C-alpha atoms as a PDB file:
ATOM      1  CA  MET A   1       3.552 -18.412 -10.852  1.00  0.00           C
ATOM      2  CA  ASN A   2      -0.066 -19.464 -11.898  1.00  0.00           C
ATOM      3  CA  TYR A   3      -2.452 -17.011 -10.034  1.00  0.00           C
ATOM      4  CA  ILE A   4      -6.378 -17.616  -9.581  1.00  0.00           C
ATOM      5  CA  GLN A   5      -8.604 -14.929 -10.651  1.00  0.00           C
ATOM      6  CA  ILE A   6     -11.741 -14.195  -9.314  1.00  0.00           C
ATOM      7  CA  THR A   7     -14.253 -11.821 -10.522  1.00  0.00           C
ATOM      8  CA  PHE A   8     -16.605 -10.584  -7.396  1.00  0.00           C
ATOM      9  CA  THR A   9     -20.135  -9.317  -8.528  1.00  0.00           C
ATOM     10  CA  ILE A  10     -21.959  -7.258  -6.002  1.00  0.00           C
ATOM     11  CA  GLU A  11     -25.835  -6.962  -5.623  1.00  0.00           C
ATOM     12  CA  SER A  12     -26.923  -2.942  -5.768  1.00  0.00           C
ATOM     13  CA  PHE A  13     -22.844  -2.022  -6.419  1.00  0.00           C
ATOM     14  CA  GLU A  14     -20.977   1.213  -4.848  1.00  0.00           C
ATOM     15  CA  GLU A  15     -17.758   1.902  -5.348  1.00  0.00           C
ATOM     16  CA  TYR A  16     -16.901   2.045  -1.532  1.00  0.00           C
ATOM     17  CA  MET A  17     -18.242  -1.536  -1.079  1.00  0.00           C
ATOM     18  CA  ALA A  18     -15.079  -2.950  -3.555  1.00  0.00           C
ATOM     19  CA  ASP A  19     -12.513  -1.074  -1.224  1.00  0.00           C
ATOM     20  CA  VAL A  20     -13.972  -2.877   1.906  1.00  0.00           C
ATOM     21  CA  LEU A  21     -14.015  -6.265  -0.315  1.00  0.00           C
ATOM     22  CA  ALA A  22     -10.566  -5.302  -0.809  1.00  0.00           C
ATOM     23  CA  SER A  23      -9.568  -4.820   2.460  1.00  0.00           C
ATOM     24  CA  GLU A  24     -10.653  -7.864   3.621  1.00  0.00           C
ATOM     25  CA  LEU A  25      -9.649 -10.050   1.082  1.00  0.00           C
ATOM     26  CA  VAL A  26      -6.270  -8.876   1.199  1.00  0.00           C
ATOM     27  CA  GLU A  27      -6.349 -10.604   5.021  1.00  0.00           C
ATOM     28  CA  ILE A  28      -6.552 -13.865   3.406  1.00  0.00           C
ATOM     29  CA  GLY A  29      -3.528 -13.751   0.756  1.00  0.00           C
ATOM     30  CA  PHE A  30      -5.051 -11.683  -2.377  1.00  0.00           C
ATOM     31  CA  GLU A  31      -2.502  -9.628  -3.725  1.00  0.00           C
ATOM     32  CA  SER A  32      -3.769  -7.344  -6.608  1.00  0.00           C
ATOM     33  CA  PHE A  33      -7.497  -5.921  -7.579  1.00  0.00           C
ATOM     34  CA  GLU A  34      -9.063  -4.086 -10.632  1.00  0.00           C
ATOM     35  CA  PRO A  35     -12.342  -2.256 -10.527  1.00  0.00           C
ATOM     36  CA  THR A  36     -15.513  -3.662 -12.805  1.00  0.00           C
ATOM     37  CA  TYR A  37     -18.863  -1.755 -12.832  1.00  0.00           C
ATOM     38  CA  GLU A  38     -19.928  -4.531 -10.400  1.00  0.00           C
ATOM     39  CA  GLY A  39     -17.447  -4.965  -7.991  1.00  0.00           C
ATOM     40  CA  THR A  40     -13.866  -6.229  -8.558  1.00  0.00           C
ATOM     41  CA  ILE A  41     -11.688  -8.835  -9.976  1.00  0.00           C
ATOM     42  CA  ALA A  42      -9.131 -10.189  -7.376  1.00  0.00           C
ATOM     43  CA  TYR A  43      -5.728 -12.339  -7.793  1.00  0.00           C
ATOM     44  CA  ILE A  44      -3.995 -14.650  -5.227  1.00  0.00           C
ATOM     45  CA  GLN A  45      -1.201 -16.998  -5.977  1.00  0.00           C
ATOM     46  CA  GLN A  46      -2.820 -20.606  -6.589  1.00  0.00           C
ATOM     47  CA  ASN A  47      -0.620 -22.101  -3.567  1.00  0.00           C
ATOM     48  CA  GLN A  48      -2.205 -19.641  -1.253  1.00  0.00           C
ATOM     49  CA  PHE A  49      -6.097 -19.831  -2.280  1.00  0.00           C
ATOM     50  CA  ASN A  50      -8.487 -21.452  -0.169  1.00  0.00           C
ATOM     51  CA  GLU A  51     -11.825 -21.620  -1.146  1.00  0.00           C
ATOM     52  CA  THR A  52     -13.204 -22.828   2.331  1.00  0.00           C
ATOM     53  CA  VAL A  53     -11.473 -19.289   3.777  1.00  0.00           C
ATOM     54  CA  LEU A  54     -12.949 -17.453   1.197  1.00  0.00           C
ATOM     55  CA  LYS A  55     -16.858 -18.650   1.593  1.00  0.00           C
ATOM     56  CA  GLN A  56     -16.381 -17.627   5.635  1.00  0.00           C
ATOM     57  CA  LEU A  57     -15.053 -13.934   4.491  1.00  0.00           C
ATOM     58  CA  LEU A  58     -18.023 -13.313   2.467  1.00  0.00           C
ATOM     59  CA  ALA A  59     -20.514 -15.595   5.007  1.00  0.00           C
ATOM     60  CA  ASP A  60     -18.791 -12.859   7.864  1.00  0.00           C
ATOM     61  CA  PHE A  61     -18.708  -9.666   5.325  1.00  0.00           C
ATOM     62  CA  PRO A  62     -19.398  -6.355   7.307  1.00  0.00           C
ATOM     63  CA  LEU A  63     -21.711  -4.823   4.815  1.00  0.00           C
ATOM     64  CA  GLU A  64     -25.518  -6.420   4.238  1.00  0.00           C
ATOM     65  CA  VAL A  65     -24.907  -6.950   0.324  1.00  0.00           C
ATOM     66  CA  ASN A  66     -24.920 -10.509  -1.610  1.00  0.00           C
ATOM     67  CA  ILE A  67     -21.650 -11.027  -3.058  1.00  0.00           C
ATOM     68  CA  GLU A  68     -21.118 -13.855  -5.869  1.00  0.00           C
ATOM     69  CA  TYR A  69     -18.010 -14.736  -7.531  1.00  0.00           C
ATOM     70  CA  SER A  70     -16.468 -16.973 -10.448  1.00  0.00           C
ATOM     71  CA  ILE A  71     -13.270 -18.567 -10.342  1.00  0.00           C
ATOM     72  CA  ILE A  72     -10.269 -19.012 -13.470  1.00  0.00           C
ATOM     73  CA  GLU A  73      -6.797 -19.883 -13.180  1.00  0.00           C
ATOM     74  CA  VAL A  74      -4.611 -17.473 -14.845  1.00  0.00           C
ATOM     75  CA  GLU A  75      -0.928 -18.078 -16.291  1.00  0.00           C
ATOM     76  CA  GLY A  76       1.420 -15.135 -15.673  1.00  0.00           C
ATOM     77  CA  LYS A  77       0.285 -12.202 -17.522  1.00  0.00           C
ATOM     78  CA  ASN A  78       2.188  -8.674 -19.067  1.00  0.00           C
ATOM     79  CA  TRP A  79       0.866  -7.025 -16.436  1.00  0.00           C
ATOM     80  CA  ASN A  80       1.674  -3.940 -17.711  1.00  0.00           C
ATOM     81  CA  GLU A  81      -0.404  -4.347 -20.713  1.00  0.00           C
ATOM     82  CA  GLU A  82      -3.168  -5.143 -18.634  1.00  0.00           C
ATOM     83  CA  TRP A  83      -2.901  -2.070 -16.054  1.00  0.00           C
ATOM     84  CA  GLU A  84      -2.724   0.114 -19.594  1.00  0.00           C
ATOM     85  CA  LYS A  85      -5.539  -1.461 -21.098  1.00  0.00           C
ATOM     86  CA  ASN A  86      -7.983  -1.679 -18.120  1.00  0.00           C
ATOM     87  CA  TYR A  87      -6.793   1.054 -15.247  1.00  0.00           C
ATOM     88  CA  PHE A  88      -3.521   2.731 -14.662  1.00  0.00           C
ATOM     89  CA  GLU A  89      -3.602   6.375 -15.794  1.00  0.00           C
ATOM     90  CA  PRO A  90      -1.257   9.184 -14.796  1.00  0.00           C
ATOM     91  CA  ILE A  91      -2.124  10.828 -11.709  1.00  0.00           C
ATOM     92  CA  VAL A  92      -1.000  14.071 -10.329  1.00  0.00           C
ATOM     93  CA  ILE A  93      -0.987  14.677  -6.363  1.00  0.00           C
ATOM     94  CA  ASP A  94      -0.835  17.676  -4.644  1.00  0.00           C
ATOM     95  CA  ASN A  95      -0.016  20.009  -7.375  1.00  0.00           C
ATOM     96  CA  GLU A  96       3.406  18.512  -6.700  1.00  0.00           C
ATOM     97  CA  CYS A  97       4.253  14.361  -7.793  1.00  0.00           C
ATOM     98  CA  VAL A  98       3.216  12.921 -10.892  1.00  0.00           C
ATOM     99  CA  ILE A  99       3.115   9.108 -11.137  1.00  0.00           C
ATOM    100  CA  HIS A 100       2.872   7.439 -14.251  1.00  0.00           C
ATOM    101  CA  SER A 101       4.135   4.282 -16.552  1.00  0.00           C
ATOM    102  CA  THR A 102       6.538   4.117 -19.090  1.00  0.00           C
ATOM    103  CA  PHE A 103       3.641   3.422 -21.578  1.00  0.00           C
ATOM    104  CA  HIS A 104       2.178   7.152 -21.202  1.00  0.00           C
ATOM    105  CA  LYS A 105       2.028   9.910 -23.608  1.00  0.00           C
ATOM    106  CA  ASN A 106       2.035  13.595 -22.838  1.00  0.00           C
ATOM    107  CA  VAL A 107       2.933  13.229 -18.990  1.00  0.00           C
ATOM    108  CA  PRO A 108       1.484  16.250 -16.621  1.00  0.00           C
ATOM    109  CA  ALA A 109       4.745  18.369 -15.522  1.00  0.00           C
ATOM    110  CA  ALA A 110       5.688  17.996 -11.633  1.00  0.00           C
ATOM    111  CA  ARG A 111       7.892  18.935  -9.138  1.00  0.00           C
ATOM    112  CA  TYR A 112       8.767  15.128  -8.794  1.00  0.00           C
ATOM    113  CA  ASP A 113       8.206  12.614 -11.351  1.00  0.00           C
ATOM    114  CA  ILE A 114       7.775   8.873 -10.475  1.00  0.00           C
ATOM    115  CA  ILE A 115       7.695   5.969 -13.507  1.00  0.00           C
ATOM    116  CA  ILE A 116       5.893   3.034 -12.277  1.00  0.00           C
ATOM    117  CA  ASP A 117       5.328   0.148 -13.918  1.00  0.00           C
ATOM    118  CA  PRO A 118       2.942  -1.499 -11.351  1.00  0.00           C
ATOM    119  CA  LYS A 119       2.639  -5.382 -12.792  1.00  0.00           C
ATOM    120  CA  MET A 120       0.985  -7.405 -10.089  1.00  0.00           C
ATOM    121  CA  SER A 121       1.718  -4.754  -7.101  1.00  0.00           C
ATOM    122  CA  PHE A 122      -0.452  -2.456  -5.047  1.00  0.00           C
ATOM    123  CA  GLY A 123       0.713   1.247  -5.379  1.00  0.00           C
ATOM    124  CA  THR A 124       0.022   3.595  -8.278  1.00  0.00           C
ATOM    125  CA  GLY A 125      -1.162   6.776  -5.869  1.00  0.00           C
ATOM    126  CA  HIS A 126      -4.819   6.230  -7.292  1.00  0.00           C
ATOM    127  CA  HIS A 127      -5.805   4.252  -4.007  1.00  0.00           C
ATOM    128  CA  GLU A 128      -6.813   6.619  -0.898  1.00  0.00           C
ATOM    129  CA  THR A 129      -4.196   5.205   1.082  1.00  0.00           C
ATOM    130  CA  THR A 130      -1.002   5.376  -1.383  1.00  0.00           C
ATOM    131  CA  SER A 131      -2.454   8.990  -2.167  1.00  0.00           C
ATOM    132  CA  LEU A 132      -2.586  10.251   1.280  1.00  0.00           C
ATOM    133  CA  VAL A 133       0.891   8.855   2.686  1.00  0.00           C
ATOM    134  CA  ILE A 134       2.438  10.886  -0.702  1.00  0.00           C
ATOM    135  CA  SER A 135       0.691  14.119   0.845  1.00  0.00           C
ATOM    136  CA  GLU A 136       2.399  13.207   3.882  1.00  0.00           C
ATOM    137  CA  ILE A 137       5.730  12.682   2.701  1.00  0.00           C
ATOM    138  CA  LEU A 138       5.282  15.893   0.495  1.00  0.00           C
ATOM    139  CA  THR A 139       4.792  17.769   4.027  1.00  0.00           C
ATOM    140  CA  LEU A 140       7.289  15.864   6.080  1.00  0.00           C
ATOM    141  CA  ASN A 141      10.873  17.417   5.047  1.00  0.00           C
ATOM    142  CA  PRO A 142      12.639  13.845   5.028  1.00  0.00           C
ATOM    143  CA  VAL A 143      16.275  16.000   3.874  1.00  0.00           C
ATOM    144  CA  GLY A 144      19.032  13.523   5.403  1.00  0.00           C
ATOM    145  CA  LYS A 145      16.536  11.391   7.151  1.00  0.00           C
ATOM    146  CA  THR A 146      16.624   7.455   7.206  1.00  0.00           C
ATOM    147  CA  LEU A 147      13.446   5.906   6.329  1.00  0.00           C
ATOM    148  CA  LEU A 148      11.443   2.468   6.113  1.00  0.00           C
ATOM    149  CA  ASP A 149       8.320   2.063   3.840  1.00  0.00           C
ATOM    150  CA  MET A 150       7.007  -0.918   5.101  1.00  0.00           C
ATOM    151  CA  GLY A 151       4.534  -2.905   3.106  1.00  0.00           C
ATOM    152  CA  CYS A 152       6.305  -0.930   0.013  1.00  0.00           C
ATOM    153  CA  GLY A 153       4.488  -2.676  -2.871  1.00  0.00           C
ATOM    154  CA  THR A 154       5.574  -0.724  -5.889  1.00  0.00           C
ATOM    155  CA  ALA A 155       8.387   1.127  -3.933  1.00  0.00           C
ATOM    156  CA  VAL A 156       6.300   4.199  -5.170  1.00  0.00           C
ATOM    157  CA  LEU A 157       6.534   5.852  -1.725  1.00  0.00           C
ATOM    158  CA  ALA A 158      10.047   4.963  -1.127  1.00  0.00           C
ATOM    159  CA  ILE A 159      11.101   6.521  -4.433  1.00  0.00           C
ATOM    160  CA  LEU A 160       9.026   9.550  -3.569  1.00  0.00           C
ATOM    161  CA  ALA A 161      10.920   9.817  -0.547  1.00  0.00           C
ATOM    162  CA  SER A 162      14.328   9.724  -2.000  1.00  0.00           C
ATOM    163  CA  MET A 163      13.782  11.736  -4.631  1.00  0.00           C
ATOM    164  CA  CYS A 164      12.539  14.371  -1.769  1.00  0.00           C
ATOM    165  CA  GLY A 165      15.998  13.811   0.405  1.00  0.00           C
ATOM    166  CA  ALA A 166      15.808  11.168   2.417  1.00  0.00           C
ATOM    167  CA  LYS A 167      19.106   9.808   3.192  1.00  0.00           C
ATOM    168  CA  LYS A 168      19.361   5.911   3.317  1.00  0.00           C
ATOM    169  CA  ILE A 169      15.954   3.885   2.769  1.00  0.00           C
ATOM    170  CA  LEU A 170      14.657   0.376   3.488  1.00  0.00           C
ATOM    171  CA  ALA A 171      11.757  -0.868   1.848  1.00  0.00           C
ATOM    172  CA  ILE A 172      10.017  -3.987   2.657  1.00  0.00           C
ATOM    173  CA  ASP A 173       7.213  -6.067   1.795  1.00  0.00           C
ATOM    174  CA  ILE A 174       6.213  -9.792   2.709  1.00  0.00           C
ATOM    175  CA  ASP A 175       5.248 -10.727  -1.378  1.00  0.00           C
ATOM    176  CA  GLU A 176       8.271 -11.723  -3.601  1.00  0.00           C
ATOM    177  CA  TRP A 177       5.955 -10.464  -6.264  1.00  0.00           C
ATOM    178  CA  CYS A 178       6.780  -6.581  -4.679  1.00  0.00           C
ATOM    179  CA  THR A 179       9.752  -6.543  -4.015  1.00  0.00           C
ATOM    180  CA  ARG A 180      10.448  -7.985  -7.501  1.00  0.00           C
ATOM    181  CA  ASN A 181       8.352  -5.056  -8.913  1.00  0.00           C
ATOM    182  CA  SER A 182       9.780  -2.756  -6.380  1.00  0.00           C
ATOM    183  CA  GLN A 183      13.655  -3.426  -7.599  1.00  0.00           C
ATOM    184  CA  GLU A 184      12.334  -2.655 -11.503  1.00  0.00           C
ATOM    185  CA  ASN A 185      10.906   0.828 -10.071  1.00  0.00           C
ATOM    186  CA  ILE A 186      13.577   1.669  -8.286  1.00  0.00           C
ATOM    187  CA  GLU A 187      16.023   1.143 -11.301  1.00  0.00           C
ATOM    188  CA  LEU A 188      13.543   3.298 -13.582  1.00  0.00           C
ATOM    189  CA  ASN A 189      13.865   6.135 -11.620  1.00  0.00           C
ATOM    190  CA  ASN A 190      17.842   5.828 -11.331  1.00  0.00           C
ATOM    191  CA  ILE A 191      17.132   5.815  -7.170  1.00  0.00           C
ATOM    192  CA  SER A 192      20.446   4.183  -5.587  1.00  0.00           C
ATOM    193  CA  ASN A 193      19.595   4.668  -2.376  1.00  0.00           C
ATOM    194  CA  ILE A 194      17.121   2.392  -1.401  1.00  0.00           C
ATOM    195  CA  GLU A 195      17.642  -1.498  -0.039  1.00  0.00           C
ATOM    196  CA  ILE A 196      14.752  -4.069  -0.877  1.00  0.00           C
ATOM    197  CA  LYS A 197      13.704  -6.726   1.026  1.00  0.00           C
ATOM    198  CA  THR A 198      11.505  -9.589   1.351  1.00  0.00           C
ATOM    199  CA  GLY A 199      10.046 -10.252   4.239  1.00  0.00           C
ATOM    200  CA  GLY A 200       7.923  -8.714   7.849  1.00  0.00           C
ATOM    201  CA  ALA A 201       8.691  -6.875  10.701  1.00  0.00           C
ATOM    202  CA  GLU A 202      11.065  -9.344  12.174  1.00  0.00           C
ATOM    203  CA  LEU A 203      13.232  -8.052   9.509  1.00  0.00           C
ATOM    204  CA  LEU A 204      13.123  -4.993  11.800  1.00  0.00           C
ATOM    205  CA  THR A 205      15.145  -5.840  14.796  1.00  0.00           C
ATOM    206  CA  GLY A 206      18.249  -4.088  15.422  1.00  0.00           C
ATOM    207  CA  LEU A 207      17.671  -1.672  12.978  1.00  0.00           C
ATOM    208  CA  HIS A 208      16.753   2.342  13.660  1.00  0.00           C
ATOM    209  CA  PHE A 209      14.733   5.025  11.179  1.00  0.00           C
ATOM    210  CA  ASP A 210      13.847   8.470  11.641  1.00  0.00           C
ATOM    211  CA  ILE A 211      10.572   8.058   9.513  1.00  0.00           C
ATOM    212  CA  ILE A 212       8.546   5.177   9.111  1.00  0.00           C
ATOM    213  CA  LEU A 213       5.804   4.659   6.309  1.00  0.00           C
ATOM    214  CA  ALA A 214       3.497   1.768   6.973  1.00  0.00           C
ATOM    215  CA  ASN A 215       0.310   1.451   4.165  1.00  0.00           C
ATOM    216  CA  ILE A 216      -0.575  -1.806   5.138  1.00  0.00           C
ATOM    217  CA  ASN A 217      -4.081  -2.585   6.544  1.00  0.00           C
ATOM    218  CA  ARG A 218      -5.336  -2.213  10.336  1.00  0.00           C
ATOM    219  CA  ASN A 219      -4.578  -5.982  11.804  1.00  0.00           C
ATOM    220  CA  ILE A 220      -1.100  -6.080  10.600  1.00  0.00           C
ATOM    221  CA  LEU A 221      -0.245  -2.539  11.980  1.00  0.00           C
ATOM    222  CA  LEU A 222      -2.093  -3.261  15.266  1.00  0.00           C
ATOM    223  CA  ALA A 223       0.132  -6.717  15.240  1.00  0.00           C
ATOM    224  CA  ASP A 224       3.776  -4.848  14.480  1.00  0.00           C
ATOM    225  CA  MET A 225       3.164  -1.317  15.951  1.00  0.00           C
ATOM    226  CA  GLU A 226       5.466  -2.827  18.875  1.00  0.00           C
ATOM    227  CA  LYS A 227       8.267  -3.355  16.503  1.00  0.00           C
ATOM    228  CA  TYR A 228       7.704   0.026  14.870  1.00  0.00           C
ATOM    229  CA  SER A 229       8.012   1.871  17.959  1.00  0.00           C
ATOM    230  CA  GLU A 230      11.170  -0.007  18.833  1.00  0.00           C
ATOM    231  CA  CYS A 231      13.140   0.722  15.898  1.00  0.00           C
ATOM    232  CA  LEU A 232      11.936   4.356  15.524  1.00  0.00           C
ATOM    233  CA  SER A 233      13.967   6.971  16.767  1.00  0.00           C
ATOM    234  CA  ALA A 234      12.944   9.911  19.735  1.00  0.00           C
ATOM    235  CA  GLY A 235      11.153  12.245  17.419  1.00  0.00           C
ATOM    236  CA  GLY A 236      10.948  10.284  14.795  1.00  0.00           C
ATOM    237  CA  LYS A 237       7.424  10.137  12.479  1.00  0.00           C
ATOM    238  CA  LEU A 238       5.390   6.744  12.087  1.00  0.00           C
ATOM    239  CA  ILE A 239       2.881   7.108   9.194  1.00  0.00           C
ATOM    240  CA  MET A 240       0.234   4.871   8.876  1.00  0.00           C
ATOM    241  CA  SER A 241      -2.310   4.169   6.584  1.00  0.00           C
ATOM    242  CA  GLY A 242      -4.695   1.331   5.047  1.00  0.00           C
ATOM    243  CA  PHE A 243      -7.728   1.353   7.330  1.00  0.00           C
ATOM    244  CA  TYR A 244     -11.477   3.584   7.547  1.00  0.00           C
ATOM    245  CA  LYS A 245     -11.725   7.093   9.615  1.00  0.00           C
ATOM    246  CA  GLU A 246     -13.497   5.074  12.402  1.00  0.00           C
ATOM    247  CA  ASP A 247     -10.539   2.773  12.934  1.00  0.00           C
ATOM    248  CA  ILE A 248      -8.453   5.536  14.158  1.00  0.00           C
ATOM    249  CA  PRO A 249      -9.271   5.234  17.954  1.00  0.00           C
ATOM    250  CA  ILE A 250      -8.228   1.297  18.249  1.00  0.00           C
ATOM    251  CA  ILE A 251      -4.961   2.439  16.117  1.00  0.00           C
ATOM    252  CA  GLU A 252      -4.584   5.648  18.537  1.00  0.00           C
ATOM    253  CA  ALA A 253      -4.737   3.020  21.432  1.00  0.00           C
ATOM    254  CA  GLU A 254      -2.333   0.928  19.978  1.00  0.00           C
ATOM    255  CA  ALA A 255      -0.018   3.652  19.673  1.00  0.00           C
ATOM    256  CA  ASN A 256      -0.175   4.759  22.771  1.00  0.00           C
ATOM    257  CA  ARG A 257       1.016   1.569  24.324  1.00  0.00           C
ATOM    258  CA  ASN A 258       3.798   1.529  22.483  1.00  0.00           C
ATOM    259  CA  ASN A 259       5.118   5.169  23.107  1.00  0.00           C
ATOM    260  CA  LEU A 260       3.598   7.088  20.093  1.00  0.00           C
ATOM    261  CA  LYS A 261       1.489   9.955  20.330  1.00  0.00           C
ATOM    262  CA  LEU A 262      -1.426  10.650  17.744  1.00  0.00           C
ATOM    263  CA  ILE A 263      -0.319  13.932  15.987  1.00  0.00           C
ATOM    264  CA  GLY A 264      -3.119  14.206  13.193  1.00  0.00           C
ATOM    265  CA  PHE A 265      -4.442  12.139  10.285  1.00  0.00           C
ATOM    266  CA  LYS A 266      -5.179  12.978   6.464  1.00  0.00           C
ATOM    267  CA  GLU A 267      -8.940  11.685   5.036  1.00  0.00           C
ATOM    268  CA  LYS A 268      -9.996  10.670   1.980  1.00  0.00           C
ATOM    269  CA  ASN A 269     -13.210   8.767   1.122  1.00  0.00           C
ATOM    270  CA  ASN A 270     -13.369   7.745   4.839  1.00  0.00           C
ATOM    271  CA  TRP A 271      -9.849   6.189   4.126  1.00  0.00           C
ATOM    272  CA  VAL A 272      -7.521   7.719   6.156  1.00  0.00           C
ATOM    273  CA  ALA A 273      -3.554   8.382   6.778  1.00  0.00           C
ATOM    274  CA  VAL A 274      -2.156   9.309  10.538  1.00  0.00           C
ATOM    275  CA  GLU A 275       0.640  10.469  11.867  1.00  0.00           C
ATOM    276  CA  THR A 276       2.274   9.611  15.077  1.00  0.00           C
ATOM    277  CA  GLU A 277       5.296  10.581  17.051  1.00  0.00           C
ATOM    278  CA  LYS A 278       8.067   8.763  18.976  1.00  0.00           C
ATOM    279  CA  MET A 279       8.008  10.150  22.410  1.00  0.00           C
ATOM    280  CA  PRO A 280      10.587  10.519  24.683  1.00  0.00           C
END
């Protein structure tokens, strides 16, 4: 599968600008990002790329910055090697969970040891949203509960939930690259109670869960929250991330319309994870 690689250069660059850009690019099909000192490198499947749409996105960009870009076509790579050379380092979250890849040496000890070979998938624990949801899982006590990981990426959240005692887990992603990588990571961690499916919220009809994790983005969460609520048990928890603190009011309003009560939120560098509960 061939990809389009686009290098974005942001004038007067600051790190938060790359986060905002990545959040916007996800909306038009971009799948993976590598940080640079001047912006970010983004990847999209060749058959999904539309330069006219990209130009319009940049014209409507919410920050008043100048962004330039260059495009090249790339063939399939050894993505583990790319991450090893450019980005992914072991990370410890809340002194309880360490996430690392098969190529790492001298990995710190932690209660939960997760192996992730990310390839093109999002979710190594380094991004604020992933680490925030991991922190939520560590406090949720999912022992014996059914759980959905929506937009699973690498399946790191589902894997941790299994290690924390969740009974049965379904992990869903719309991207086949992610679901394949998720299956590989599940096998690396010797997990047997996670089912992987490729698709979106249409797969949820008739299903029921005690806990739902949805680390996606604001627009998809708003569009699919009704589906999440329908398949969530009374008293069940829906944890959502992939948006900024200033988005909480619109997320909460949609939650209230779907019988979900905001319990609280965690914040990291203006990214947030919110916890909601299904009312009886």
